[in-house]
Amino acid sequence: MAAEKLRDLSQPIDVALLDATVAAFYGTGSKEEWRMCGVLRKLRNRKG
């Protein structure tokens, strides 16, 4: 899943996937946007 791939900081960040996540976040207000919002929030709150 995309969210798991973005949260795995032991690997280089997939820039295309991150870009798609940000685009979904700032998109139309769809369910996908809200799901990606959760992913971005988890990344922001991650310590490490």
Protein backbone atom coordinates (compact mmCIF):
# COMPACT_ATOMS: atom_id res chain seq x y z
CA MET A 1 0.00 0.00 0.00
CA ALA A 2 1.16 3.52 -0.75
CA ALA A 3 0.86 4.70 2.85
CA GLU A 4 3.12 1.94 4.12
CA LYS A 5 5.69 2.69 1.45
CA LEU A 6 5.79 6.38 2.41
CA ARG A 7 6.08 5.61 6.13
CA ASP A 8 9.01 3.22 5.61
CA LEU A 9 11.83 5.67 6.28
CA SER A 10 14.47 2.94 5.98
CA GLN A 11 14.07 3.30 2.19
CA PRO A 12 14.47 6.39 0.01
CA ILE A 13 11.24 8.36 -0.38
CA ASP A 14 9.35 7.65 -3.59
CA VAL A 15 9.01 11.21 -4.86
CA ALA A 16 6.33 10.36 -7.42
CA LEU A 17 4.25 8.67 -4.72
CA LEU A 18 4.73 11.61 -2.35
CA ASP A 19 3.73 13.99 -5.14
CA ALA A 20 0.56 11.96 -5.80
CA THR A 21 -0.20 12.02 -2.07
CA VAL A 22 0.16 15.79 -1.89
CA ALA A 23 -1.94 16.20 -5.06
CA ALA A 24 -4.67 14.05 -3.50
CA PHE A 25 -4.45 16.08 -0.29
CA TYR A 26 -4.99 19.36 -2.13
CA GLY A 27 -7.47 17.84 -4.60
CA THR A 28 -11.22 17.80 -4.72
CA GLY A 29 -12.12 16.79 -1.17
CA SER A 30 -12.62 13.15 -2.05
CA LYS A 31 -12.27 10.11 0.19
CA GLU A 32 -8.78 9.74 -1.24
CA GLU A 33 -7.90 13.21 0.01
CA TRP A 34 -8.99 12.37 3.53
CA ARG A 35 -7.07 9.08 3.44
CA MET A 36 -3.92 10.86 2.29
CA CYS A 37 -4.43 13.51 4.95
CA GLY A 38 -4.13 10.74 7.52
CA VAL A 39 -0.94 9.49 5.87
CA LEU A 40 0.60 12.97 5.87
CA ARG A 41 -0.41 13.51 9.50
CA LYS A 42 1.26 10.24 10.51
CA LEU A 43 4.43 11.20 8.64
CA ARG A 44 4.46 14.62 10.32
CA ASN A 45 3.98 13.15 13.78
CA ARG A 46 6.63 10.46 13.33
CA LYS A 47 9.68 10.91 15.51
CA GLY A 48 12.92 9.89 14.19
